[in-house]
Amino acid sequence: MAPPIAQPTVKDASPFASWRVDHAAIRVPDFDAAIAWYTEKLDFRLRKHVSFAGLTFAFLSPAGDDSFIFELLAGPGADSRPRYTDLRASYKDSGMASRVLSCG
């Protein structure tokens, strides 16, 4: 078993210390299906829906957390990805590999 990784200290003196992650985004080939999955399966809340320059954006948050926003982006050029039966097979593709939710 690997030893635990020491957590780095917070860099309070950094000029970027006040920055916070606002949201993460994922490009989806089927916008309506993606919104339905996040809202129906994970109980995310659709906070905003915007269309601009041929693209469509949705901003969702978990049921009880307004501090994180998940953006879905759809429009021309979003290709479908294959469905994997083996999770490790998906690691060979570039792009977002996971969306991790903390429950507790």
PDB file of N, CA and C in Angstrom:
ATOM      1  N   MET A   1       0.848  -1.181   0.000  1.00  0.00           N
ATOM      2  CA  MET A   1       0.000   0.000   0.000  1.00  0.00           C
ATOM      3  C   MET A   1       0.890   1.239   0.000  1.00  0.00           C
ATOM      4  N   ALA A   2       0.556   2.190  -0.854  1.00  0.00           N
ATOM      5  CA  ALA A   2       1.347   3.421  -0.963  1.00  0.00           C
ATOM      6  C   ALA A   2       1.134   4.289   0.277  1.00  0.00           C
ATOM      7  N   PRO A   3       2.197   5.007   0.693  1.00  0.00           N
ATOM      8  CA  PRO A   3       2.031   5.899   1.845  1.00  0.00           C
ATOM      9  C   PRO A   3       1.096   7.046   1.478  1.00  0.00           C
ATOM     10  N   PRO A   4       0.418   7.630   2.469  1.00  0.00           N
ATOM     11  CA  PRO A   4      -0.486   8.740   2.155  1.00  0.00           C
ATOM     12  C   PRO A   4       0.279   9.924   1.585  1.00  0.00           C
ATOM     13  N   ILE A   5      -0.373  10.652   0.714  1.00  0.00           N
ATOM     14  CA  ILE A   5       0.235  11.830   0.094  1.00  0.00           C
ATOM     15  C   ILE A   5       0.046  13.016   1.031  1.00  0.00           C
ATOM     16  N   ALA A   6       1.143  13.706   1.317  1.00  0.00           N
ATOM     17  CA  ALA A   6       1.063  14.884   2.174  1.00  0.00           C
ATOM     18  C   ALA A   6       0.319  15.995   1.436  1.00  0.00           C
ATOM     19  N   GLN A   7      -0.606  16.634   2.124  1.00  0.00           N
ATOM     20  CA  GLN A   7      -1.361  17.723   1.521  1.00  0.00           C
ATOM     21  C   GLN A   7      -0.496  18.978   1.462  1.00  0.00           C
ATOM     22  N   PRO A   8      -0.447  19.652   0.331  1.00  0.00           N
ATOM     23  CA  PRO A   8       0.357  20.873   0.217  1.00  0.00           C
ATOM     24  C   PRO A   8      -0.262  21.985   1.069  1.00  0.00           C
ATOM     25  N   THR A   9       0.577  22.867   1.531  1.00  0.00           N
ATOM     26  CA  THR A   9       0.065  23.980   2.330  1.00  0.00           C
ATOM     27  C   THR A   9      -0.621  24.987   1.423  1.00  0.00           C
ATOM     28  N   VAL A  10      -1.585  25.698   1.976  1.00  0.00           N
ATOM     29  CA  VAL A  10      -2.287  26.745   1.253  1.00  0.00           C
ATOM     30  C   VAL A  10      -1.328  27.895   1.019  1.00  0.00           C
ATOM     31  N   LYS A  11      -1.360  28.451  -0.186  1.00  0.00           N
ATOM     32  CA  LYS A  11      -0.449  29.541  -0.546  1.00  0.00           C
ATOM     33  C   LYS A  11      -1.154  30.881  -0.385  1.00  0.00           C
ATOM     34  N   ASP A  12      -1.294  31.317   0.863  1.00  0.00           N
ATOM     35  CA  ASP A  12      -2.006  32.569   1.147  1.00  0.00           C
ATOM     36  C   ASP A  12      -1.348  33.786   0.513  1.00  0.00           C
ATOM     37  N   ALA A  13      -0.030  33.743   0.288  1.00  0.00           N
ATOM     38  CA  ALA A  13       0.686  34.897  -0.272  1.00  0.00           C
ATOM     39  C   ALA A  13       0.587  34.962  -1.797  1.00  0.00           C
ATOM     40  N   SER A  14       0.029  33.953  -2.411  1.00  0.00           N
ATOM     41  CA  SER A  14      -0.088  33.927  -3.866  1.00  0.00           C
ATOM     42  C   SER A  14      -1.009  35.042  -4.340  1.00  0.00           C
ATOM     43  N   PRO A  15      -0.675  35.673  -5.478  1.00  0.00           N
ATOM     44  CA  PRO A  15      -1.592  36.677  -6.020  1.00  0.00           C
ATOM     45  C   PRO A  15      -2.917  36.056  -6.484  1.00  0.00           C
ATOM     46  N   PHE A  16      -2.971  34.740  -6.568  1.00  0.00           N
ATOM     47  CA  PHE A  16      -4.177  34.042  -6.995  1.00  0.00           C
ATOM     48  C   PHE A  16      -4.920  33.397  -5.825  1.00  0.00           C
ATOM     49  N   ALA A  17      -4.532  33.684  -4.600  1.00  0.00           N
ATOM     50  CA  ALA A  17      -5.111  33.039  -3.418  1.00  0.00           C
ATOM     51  C   ALA A  17      -6.611  33.268  -3.292  1.00  0.00           C
ATOM     52  N   SER A  18      -7.122  34.362  -3.814  1.00  0.00           N
ATOM     53  CA  SER A  18      -8.555  34.642  -3.693  1.00  0.00           C
ATOM     54  C   SER A  18      -9.390  33.968  -4.787  1.00  0.00           C
ATOM     55  N   TRP A  19      -8.740  33.364  -5.771  1.00  0.00           N
ATOM     56  CA  TRP A  19      -9.478  32.719  -6.858  1.00  0.00           C
ATOM     57  C   TRP A  19     -10.197  31.476  -6.351  1.00  0.00           C
ATOM     58  N   ARG A  20     -11.381  31.217  -6.892  1.00  0.00           N
ATOM     59  CA  ARG A  20     -12.149  30.019  -6.600  1.00  0.00           C
ATOM     60  C   ARG A  20     -12.641  29.450  -7.929  1.00  0.00           C
ATOM     61  N   VAL A  21     -12.764  28.150  -7.985  1.00  0.00           N
ATOM     62  CA  VAL A  21     -13.303  27.518  -9.194  1.00  0.00           C
ATOM     63  C   VAL A  21     -14.790  27.818  -9.236  1.00  0.00           C
ATOM     64  N   ASP A  22     -15.239  28.384 -10.347  1.00  0.00           N
ATOM     65  CA  ASP A  22     -16.645  28.733 -10.487  1.00  0.00           C
ATOM     66  C   ASP A  22     -17.452  27.550 -11.006  1.00  0.00           C
ATOM     67  N   HIS A  23     -16.955  26.924 -12.063  1.00  0.00           N
ATOM     68  CA  HIS A  23     -17.691  25.794 -12.611  1.00  0.00           C
ATOM     69  C   HIS A  23     -16.795  24.935 -13.484  1.00  0.00           C
ATOM     70  N   ALA A  24     -17.287  23.749 -13.795  1.00  0.00           N
ATOM     71  CA  ALA A  24     -16.634  22.837 -14.730  1.00  0.00           C
ATOM     72  C   ALA A  24     -17.626  22.590 -15.861  1.00  0.00           C
ATOM     73  N   ALA A  25     -17.110  22.290 -17.055  1.00  0.00           N
ATOM     74  CA  ALA A  25     -17.990  22.136 -18.218  1.00  0.00           C
ATOM     75  C   ALA A  25     -17.721  20.829 -18.947  1.00  0.00           C
ATOM     76  N   ILE A  26     -18.752  20.345 -19.609  1.00  0.00           N
ATOM     77  CA  ILE A  26     -18.618  19.158 -20.448  1.00  0.00           C
ATOM     78  C   ILE A  26     -19.434  19.385 -21.718  1.00  0.00           C
ATOM     79  N   ARG A  27     -18.860  18.996 -22.847  1.00  0.00           N
ATOM     80  CA  ARG A  27     -19.515  19.103 -24.153  1.00  0.00           C
ATOM     81  C   ARG A  27     -20.327  17.838 -24.352  1.00  0.00           C
ATOM     82  N   VAL A  28     -21.581  17.979 -24.742  1.00  0.00           N
ATOM     83  CA  VAL A  28     -22.463  16.824 -24.888  1.00  0.00           C
ATOM     84  C   VAL A  28     -23.080  16.783 -26.284  1.00  0.00           C
ATOM     85  N   PRO A  29     -23.233  15.598 -26.859  1.00  0.00           N
ATOM     86  CA  PRO A  29     -23.840  15.495 -28.186  1.00  0.00           C
ATOM     87  C   PRO A  29     -25.358  15.577 -28.138  1.00  0.00           C
ATOM     88  N   ASP A  30     -25.988  15.191 -27.018  1.00  0.00           N
ATOM     89  CA  ASP A  30     -27.448  15.230 -26.898  1.00  0.00           C
ATOM     90  C   ASP A  30     -27.796  16.058 -25.665  1.00  0.00           C
ATOM     91  N   PHE A  31     -28.026  17.342 -25.905  1.00  0.00           N
ATOM     92  CA  PHE A  31     -28.232  18.316 -24.832  1.00  0.00           C
ATOM     93  C   PHE A  31     -29.422  17.956 -23.949  1.00  0.00           C
ATOM     94  N   ASP A  32     -30.565  17.680 -24.560  1.00  0.00           N
ATOM     95  CA  ASP A  32     -31.774  17.376 -23.792  1.00  0.00           C
ATOM     96  C   ASP A  32     -31.605  16.113 -22.961  1.00  0.00           C
ATOM     97  N   ALA A  33     -30.980  15.094 -23.531  1.00  0.00           N
ATOM     98  CA  ALA A  33     -30.757  13.850 -22.787  1.00  0.00           C
ATOM     99  C   ALA A  33     -29.803  14.083 -21.614  1.00  0.00           C
ATOM    100  N   ALA A  34     -28.794  14.918 -21.807  1.00  0.00           N
ATOM    101  CA  ALA A  34     -27.841  15.201 -20.726  1.00  0.00           C
ATOM    102  C   ALA A  34     -28.524  15.950 -19.584  1.00  0.00           C
ATOM    103  N   ILE A  35     -29.323  16.967 -19.916  1.00  0.00           N
ATOM    104  CA  ILE A  35     -30.046  17.692 -18.874  1.00  0.00           C
ATOM    105  C   ILE A  35     -30.987  16.744 -18.130  1.00  0.00           C
ATOM    106  N   ALA A  36     -31.705  15.919 -18.869  1.00  0.00           N
ATOM    107  CA  ALA A  36     -32.630  14.966 -18.248  1.00  0.00           C
ATOM    108  C   ALA A  36     -31.884  14.022 -17.305  1.00  0.00           C
ATOM    109  N   TRP A  37     -30.719  13.531 -17.719  1.00  0.00           N
ATOM    110  CA  TRP A  37     -29.976  12.589 -16.887  1.00  0.00           C
ATOM    111  C   TRP A  37     -29.532  13.246 -15.579  1.00  0.00           C
ATOM    112  N   TYR A  38     -28.944  14.426 -15.662  1.00  0.00           N
ATOM    113  CA  TYR A  38     -28.468  15.091 -14.447  1.00  0.00           C
ATOM    114  C   TYR A  38     -29.620  15.509 -13.535  1.00  0.00           C
ATOM    115  N   THR A  39     -30.724  15.968 -14.099  1.00  0.00           N
ATOM    116  CA  THR A  39     -31.832  16.426 -13.257  1.00  0.00           C
ATOM    117  C   THR A  39     -32.676  15.266 -12.718  1.00  0.00           C
ATOM    118  N   GLU A  40     -32.880  14.222 -13.523  1.00  0.00           N
ATOM    119  CA  GLU A  40     -33.723  13.113 -13.092  1.00  0.00           C
ATOM    120  C   GLU A  40     -32.977  12.059 -12.293  1.00  0.00           C
ATOM    121  N   LYS A  41     -31.753  11.757 -12.678  1.00  0.00           N
ATOM    122  CA  LYS A  41     -30.995  10.698 -11.992  1.00  0.00           C
ATOM    123  C   LYS A  41     -30.233  11.212 -10.774  1.00  0.00           C
ATOM    124  N   LEU A  42     -29.674  12.434 -10.863  1.00  0.00           N
ATOM    125  CA  LEU A  42     -28.853  12.967  -9.776  1.00  0.00           C
ATOM    126  C   LEU A  42     -29.508  14.137  -9.050  1.00  0.00           C
ATOM    127  N   ASP A  43     -30.727  14.479  -9.453  1.00  0.00           N
ATOM    128  CA  ASP A  43     -31.489  15.548  -8.814  1.00  0.00           C
ATOM    129  C   ASP A  43     -30.791  16.909  -8.869  1.00  0.00           C
ATOM    130  N   PHE A  44     -29.972  17.126  -9.911  1.00  0.00           N
ATOM    131  CA  PHE A  44     -29.374  18.442 -10.117  1.00  0.00           C
ATOM    132  C   PHE A  44     -30.479  19.427 -10.462  1.00  0.00           C
ATOM    133  N   ARG A  45     -30.238  20.693 -10.201  1.00  0.00           N
ATOM    134  CA  ARG A  45     -31.193  21.750 -10.513  1.00  0.00           C
ATOM    135  C   ARG A  45     -30.683  22.553 -11.702  1.00  0.00           C
ATOM    136  N   LEU A  46     -31.540  22.764 -12.680  1.00  0.00           N
ATOM    137  CA  LEU A  46     -31.196  23.583 -13.837  1.00  0.00           C
ATOM    138  C   LEU A  46     -31.303  25.040 -13.412  1.00  0.00           C
ATOM    139  N   ARG A  47     -30.173  25.729 -13.325  1.00  0.00           N
ATOM    140  CA  ARG A  47     -30.145  27.098 -12.823  1.00  0.00           C
ATOM    141  C   ARG A  47     -30.250  28.135 -13.929  1.00  0.00           C
ATOM    142  N   LYS A  48     -29.744  27.788 -15.113  1.00  0.00           N
ATOM    143  CA  LYS A  48     -29.787  28.746 -16.221  1.00  0.00           C
ATOM    144  C   LYS A  48     -29.661  27.975 -17.523  1.00  0.00           C
ATOM    145  N   HIS A  49     -30.324  28.495 -18.558  1.00  0.00           N
ATOM    146  CA  HIS A  49     -30.286  27.901 -19.895  1.00  0.00           C
ATOM    147  C   HIS A  49     -30.087  29.055 -20.865  1.00  0.00           C
ATOM    148  N   VAL A  50     -29.015  29.031 -21.655  1.00  0.00           N
ATOM    149  CA  VAL A  50     -28.664  30.153 -22.526  1.00  0.00           C
ATOM    150  C   VAL A  50     -28.284  29.633 -23.906  1.00  0.00           C
ATOM    151  N   SER A  51     -28.759  30.301 -24.944  1.00  0.00           N
ATOM    152  CA  SER A  51     -28.319  30.026 -26.320  1.00  0.00           C
ATOM    153  C   SER A  51     -27.570  31.251 -26.824  1.00  0.00           C
ATOM    154  N   PHE A  52     -26.431  30.999 -27.476  1.00  0.00           N
ATOM    155  CA  PHE A  52     -25.600  32.100 -27.946  1.00  0.00           C
ATOM    156  C   PHE A  52     -24.727  31.614 -29.096  1.00  0.00           C
ATOM    157  N   ALA A  53     -24.757  32.310 -30.223  1.00  0.00           N
ATOM    158  CA  ALA A  53     -23.890  32.032 -31.373  1.00  0.00           C
ATOM    159  C   ALA A  53     -23.941  30.581 -31.831  1.00  0.00           C
ATOM    160  N   GLY A  54     -25.135  30.000 -31.849  1.00  0.00           N
ATOM    161  CA  GLY A  54     -25.289  28.631 -32.327  1.00  0.00           C
ATOM    162  C   GLY A  54     -24.967  27.566 -31.302  1.00  0.00           C
ATOM    163  N   LEU A  55     -24.600  27.963 -30.101  1.00  0.00           N
ATOM    164  CA  LEU A  55     -24.313  27.012 -29.032  1.00  0.00           C
ATOM    165  C   LEU A  55     -25.378  27.151 -27.949  1.00  0.00           C
ATOM    166  N   THR A  56     -25.580  26.085 -27.200  1.00  0.00           N
ATOM    167  CA  THR A  56     -26.541  26.097 -26.112  1.00  0.00           C
ATOM    168  C   THR A  56     -25.831  25.675 -24.838  1.00  0.00           C
ATOM    169  N   PHE A  57     -26.069  26.414 -23.768  1.00  0.00           N
ATOM    170  CA  PHE A  57     -25.426  26.165 -22.485  1.00  0.00           C
ATOM    171  C   PHE A  57     -26.493  25.925 -21.420  1.00  0.00           C
ATOM    172  N   ALA A  58     -26.230  25.019 -20.510  1.00  0.00           N
ATOM    173  CA  ALA A  58     -27.062  24.819 -19.322  1.00  0.00           C
ATOM    174  C   ALA A  58     -26.132  24.839 -18.121  1.00  0.00           C
ATOM    175  N   PHE A  59     -26.581  25.458 -17.063  1.00  0.00           N
ATOM    176  CA  PHE A  59     -25.802  25.520 -15.837  1.00  0.00           C
ATOM    177  C   PHE A  59     -26.620  24.836 -14.749  1.00  0.00           C
ATOM    178  N   LEU A  60     -26.051  23.791 -14.176  1.00  0.00           N
ATOM    179  CA  LEU A  60     -26.748  22.978 -13.190  1.00  0.00           C
ATOM    180  C   LEU A  60     -25.965  22.946 -11.883  1.00  0.00           C
ATOM    181  N   SER A  61     -26.675  22.756 -10.785  1.00  0.00           N
ATOM    182  CA  SER A  61     -26.043  22.600  -9.474  1.00  0.00           C
ATOM    183  C   SER A  61     -26.643  21.396  -8.776  1.00  0.00           C
ATOM    184  N   PRO A  62     -25.865  20.751  -7.888  1.00  0.00           N
ATOM    185  CA  PRO A  62     -26.404  19.642  -7.111  1.00  0.00           C
ATOM    186  C   PRO A  62     -27.601  20.099  -6.263  1.00  0.00           C
ATOM    187  N   ALA A  63     -28.399  19.171  -5.830  1.00  0.00           N
ATOM    188  CA  ALA A  63     -29.641  19.461  -5.104  1.00  0.00           C
ATOM    189  C   ALA A  63     -29.450  20.410  -3.926  1.00  0.00           C
ATOM    190  N   GLY A  64     -28.369  20.261  -3.176  1.00  0.00           N
ATOM    191  CA  GLY A  64     -28.202  21.072  -1.983  1.00  0.00           C
ATOM    192  C   GLY A  64     -26.923  21.879  -1.945  1.00  0.00           C
ATOM    193  N   ASP A  65     -26.381  22.230  -3.105  1.00  0.00           N
ATOM    194  CA  ASP A  65     -25.098  22.946  -3.122  1.00  0.00           C
ATOM    195  C   ASP A  65     -25.102  24.009  -4.210  1.00  0.00           C
ATOM    196  N   ASP A  66     -25.141  25.270  -3.790  1.00  0.00           N
ATOM    197  CA  ASP A  66     -25.081  26.364  -4.759  1.00  0.00           C
ATOM    198  C   ASP A  66     -23.650  26.818  -5.035  1.00  0.00           C
ATOM    199  N   SER A  67     -22.676  26.219  -4.352  1.00  0.00           N
ATOM    200  CA  SER A  67     -21.289  26.669  -4.526  1.00  0.00           C
ATOM    201  C   SER A  67     -20.617  26.039  -5.750  1.00  0.00           C
ATOM    202  N   PHE A  68     -21.246  25.042  -6.353  1.00  0.00           N
ATOM    203  CA  PHE A  68     -20.658  24.405  -7.536  1.00  0.00           C
ATOM    204  C   PHE A  68     -21.651  24.441  -8.687  1.00  0.00           C
ATOM    205  N   ILE A  69     -21.155  24.778  -9.857  1.00  0.00           N
ATOM    206  CA  ILE A  69     -21.989  24.817 -11.060  1.00  0.00           C
ATOM    207  C   ILE A  69     -21.359  23.912 -12.112  1.00  0.00           C
ATOM    208  N   PHE A  70     -22.186  23.102 -12.735  1.00  0.00           N
ATOM    209  CA  PHE A  70     -21.754  22.191 -13.782  1.00  0.00           C
ATOM    210  C   PHE A  70     -22.361  22.690 -15.082  1.00  0.00           C
ATOM    211  N   GLU A  71     -21.535  22.976 -16.079  1.00  0.00           N
ATOM    212  CA  GLU A  71     -22.003  23.511 -17.353  1.00  0.00           C
ATOM    213  C   GLU A  71     -22.074  22.407 -18.399  1.00  0.00           C
ATOM    214  N   LEU A  72     -23.184  22.347 -19.091  1.00  0.00           N
ATOM    215  CA  LEU A  72     -23.326  21.470 -20.247  1.00  0.00           C
ATOM    216  C   LEU A  72     -23.336  22.355 -21.478  1.00  0.00           C
ATOM    217  N   LEU A  73     -22.606  21.958 -22.493  1.00  0.00           N
ATOM    218  CA  LEU A  73     -22.485  22.735 -23.730  1.00  0.00           C
ATOM    219  C   LEU A  73     -22.853  21.853 -24.902  1.00  0.00           C
ATOM    220  N   ALA A  74     -23.729  22.367 -25.776  1.00  0.00           N
ATOM    221  CA  ALA A  74     -24.126  21.625 -26.966  1.00  0.00           C
ATOM    222  C   ALA A  74     -24.139  22.555 -28.162  1.00  0.00           C
ATOM    223  N   GLY A  75     -23.992  21.974 -29.323  1.00  0.00           N
ATOM    224  CA  GLY A  75     -24.024  22.731 -30.558  1.00  0.00           C
ATOM    225  C   GLY A  75     -23.291  21.955 -31.632  1.00  0.00           C
ATOM    226  N   PRO A  76     -23.166  22.522 -32.821  1.00  0.00           N
ATOM    227  CA  PRO A  76     -22.499  21.825 -33.923  1.00  0.00           C
ATOM    228  C   PRO A  76     -21.091  21.373 -33.545  1.00  0.00           C
ATOM    229  N   GLY A  77     -20.772  20.154 -33.966  1.00  0.00           N
ATOM    230  CA  GLY A  77     -19.412  19.657 -33.787  1.00  0.00           C
ATOM    231  C   GLY A  77     -19.211  18.719 -32.622  1.00  0.00           C
ATOM    232  N   ALA A  78     -20.216  18.515 -31.795  1.00  0.00           N
ATOM    233  CA  ALA A  78     -20.065  17.603 -30.658  1.00  0.00           C
ATOM    234  C   ALA A  78     -20.306  16.176 -31.144  1.00  0.00           C
ATOM    235  N   ASP A  79     -19.281  15.390 -31.162  1.00  0.00           N
ATOM    236  CA  ASP A  79     -19.387  14.002 -31.603  1.00  0.00           C
ATOM    237  C   ASP A  79     -19.781  13.092 -30.452  1.00  0.00           C
ATOM    238  N   SER A  80     -20.548  12.071 -30.758  1.00  0.00           N
ATOM    239  CA  SER A  80     -20.858  11.053 -29.767  1.00  0.00           C
ATOM    240  C   SER A  80     -19.607  10.254 -29.471  1.00  0.00           C
ATOM    241  N   ARG A  81     -19.500   9.775 -28.252  1.00  0.00           N
ATOM    242  CA  ARG A  81     -18.385   8.909 -27.875  1.00  0.00           C
ATOM    243  C   ARG A  81     -18.923   7.503 -27.732  1.00  0.00           C
ATOM    244  N   PRO A  82     -18.072   6.522 -27.910  1.00  0.00           N
ATOM    245  CA  PRO A  82     -18.560   5.142 -27.786  1.00  0.00           C
ATOM    246  C   PRO A  82     -18.974   4.843 -26.355  1.00  0.00           C
ATOM    247  N   ARG A  83     -19.900   3.911 -26.192  1.00  0.00           N
ATOM    248  CA  ARG A  83     -20.270   3.421 -24.867  1.00  0.00           C
ATOM    249  C   ARG A  83     -19.275   2.325 -24.516  1.00  0.00           C
ATOM    250  N   TYR A  84     -18.729   2.396 -23.326  1.00  0.00           N
ATOM    251  CA  TYR A  84     -17.736   1.418 -22.892  1.00  0.00           C
ATOM    252  C   TYR A  84     -18.367   0.421 -21.934  1.00  0.00           C
ATOM    253  N   THR A  85     -17.991  -0.831 -22.099  1.00  0.00           N
ATOM    254  CA  THR A  85     -18.401  -1.850 -21.142  1.00  0.00           C
ATOM    255  C   THR A  85     -17.295  -2.059 -20.116  1.00  0.00           C
ATOM    256  N   ASP A  86     -16.105  -1.560 -20.418  1.00  0.00           N
ATOM    257  CA  ASP A  86     -14.956  -1.659 -19.521  1.00  0.00           C
ATOM    258  C   ASP A  86     -14.461  -0.241 -19.238  1.00  0.00           C
ATOM    259  N   LEU A  87     -14.560   0.194 -17.993  1.00  0.00           N
ATOM    260  CA  LEU A  87     -14.172   1.549 -17.619  1.00  0.00           C
ATOM    261  C   LEU A  87     -12.734   1.863 -18.023  1.00  0.00           C
ATOM    262  N   ARG A  88     -11.830   0.918 -17.852  1.00  0.00           N
ATOM    263  CA  ARG A  88     -10.427   1.166 -18.191  1.00  0.00           C
ATOM    264  C   ARG A  88     -10.221   1.456 -19.681  1.00  0.00           C
ATOM    265  N   ALA A  89     -11.082   0.931 -20.514  1.00  0.00           N
ATOM    266  CA  ALA A  89     -10.970   1.194 -21.952  1.00  0.00           C
ATOM    267  C   ALA A  89     -11.200   2.671 -22.260  1.00  0.00           C
ATOM    268  N   SER A  90     -11.977   3.355 -21.415  1.00  0.00           N
ATOM    269  CA  SER A  90     -12.260   4.768 -21.648  1.00  0.00           C
ATOM    270  C   SER A  90     -11.075   5.656 -21.302  1.00  0.00           C
ATOM    271  N   TYR A  91     -10.102   5.172 -20.554  1.00  0.00           N
ATOM    272  CA  TYR A  91      -8.956   5.982 -20.138  1.00  0.00           C
ATOM    273  C   TYR A  91      -8.059   6.382 -21.297  1.00  0.00           C
ATOM    274  N   LYS A  92      -8.173   5.697 -22.429  1.00  0.00           N
ATOM    275  CA  LYS A  92      -7.300   6.016 -23.565  1.00  0.00           C
ATOM    276  C   LYS A  92      -7.737   7.286 -24.304  1.00  0.00           C
ATOM    277  N   ASP A  93      -8.977   7.727 -24.067  1.00  0.00           N
ATOM    278  CA  ASP A  93      -9.483   8.922 -24.741  1.00  0.00           C
ATOM    279  C   ASP A  93      -9.108  10.179 -23.962  1.00  0.00           C
ATOM    280  N   SER A  94      -8.794  11.242 -24.693  1.00  0.00           N
ATOM    281  CA  SER A  94      -8.509  12.510 -24.020  1.00  0.00           C
ATOM    282  C   SER A  94      -9.819  13.182 -23.642  1.00  0.00           C
ATOM    283  N   GLY A  95      -9.737  14.194 -22.841  1.00  0.00           N
ATOM    284  CA  GLY A  95     -10.924  14.914 -22.396  1.00  0.00           C
ATOM    285  C   GLY A  95     -11.234  14.599 -20.960  1.00  0.00           C
ATOM    286  N   MET A  96     -12.375  15.070 -20.509  1.00  0.00           N
ATOM    287  CA  MET A  96     -12.764  14.856 -19.130  1.00  0.00           C
ATOM    288  C   MET A  96     -12.987  13.379 -18.888  1.00  0.00           C
ATOM    289  N   ALA A  97     -12.316  12.853 -17.874  1.00  0.00           N
ATOM    290  CA  ALA A  97     -12.420  11.428 -17.590  1.00  0.00           C
ATOM    291  C   ALA A  97     -13.425  11.121 -16.489  1.00  0.00           C
ATOM    292  N   SER A  98     -13.684  12.071 -15.619  1.00  0.00           N
ATOM    293  CA  SER A  98     -14.613  11.776 -14.545  1.00  0.00           C
ATOM    294  C   SER A  98     -15.256  13.042 -14.001  1.00  0.00           C
ATOM    295  N   ARG A  99     -16.377  12.851 -13.384  1.00  0.00           N
ATOM    296  CA  ARG A  99     -17.049  13.881 -12.617  1.00  0.00           C
ATOM    297  C   ARG A  99     -17.254  13.276 -11.254  1.00  0.00           C
ATOM    298  N   VAL A 100     -16.623  13.829 -10.256  1.00  0.00           N
ATOM    299  CA  VAL A 100     -16.629  13.243  -8.925  1.00  0.00           C
ATOM    300  C   VAL A 100     -17.519  14.068  -8.010  1.00  0.00           C
ATOM    301  N   LEU A 101     -18.480  13.397  -7.387  1.00  0.00           N
ATOM    302  CA  LEU A 101     -19.387  14.044  -6.460  1.00  0.00           C
ATOM    303  C   LEU A 101     -19.098  13.529  -5.067  1.00  0.00           C
ATOM    304  N   SER A 102     -19.043  14.409  -4.115  1.00  0.00           N
ATOM    305  CA  SER A 102     -18.816  14.019  -2.730  1.00  0.00           C
ATOM    306  C   SER A 102     -20.170  13.943  -2.033  1.00  0.00           C
ATOM    307  N   CYS A 103     -20.470  12.807  -1.478  1.00  0.00           N
ATOM    308  CA  CYS A 103     -21.748  12.627  -0.790  1.00  0.00           C
ATOM    309  C   CYS A 103     -21.473  12.424   0.702  1.00  0.00           C
ATOM    310  N   GLY A 104     -22.187  13.140   1.505  1.00  0.00           N
ATOM    311  CA  GLY A 104     -21.961  12.905   2.925  1.00  0.00           C
ATOM    312  C   GLY A 104     -22.343  13.974   3.797  1.00  0.00           C
TER     313      GLY A 104
END
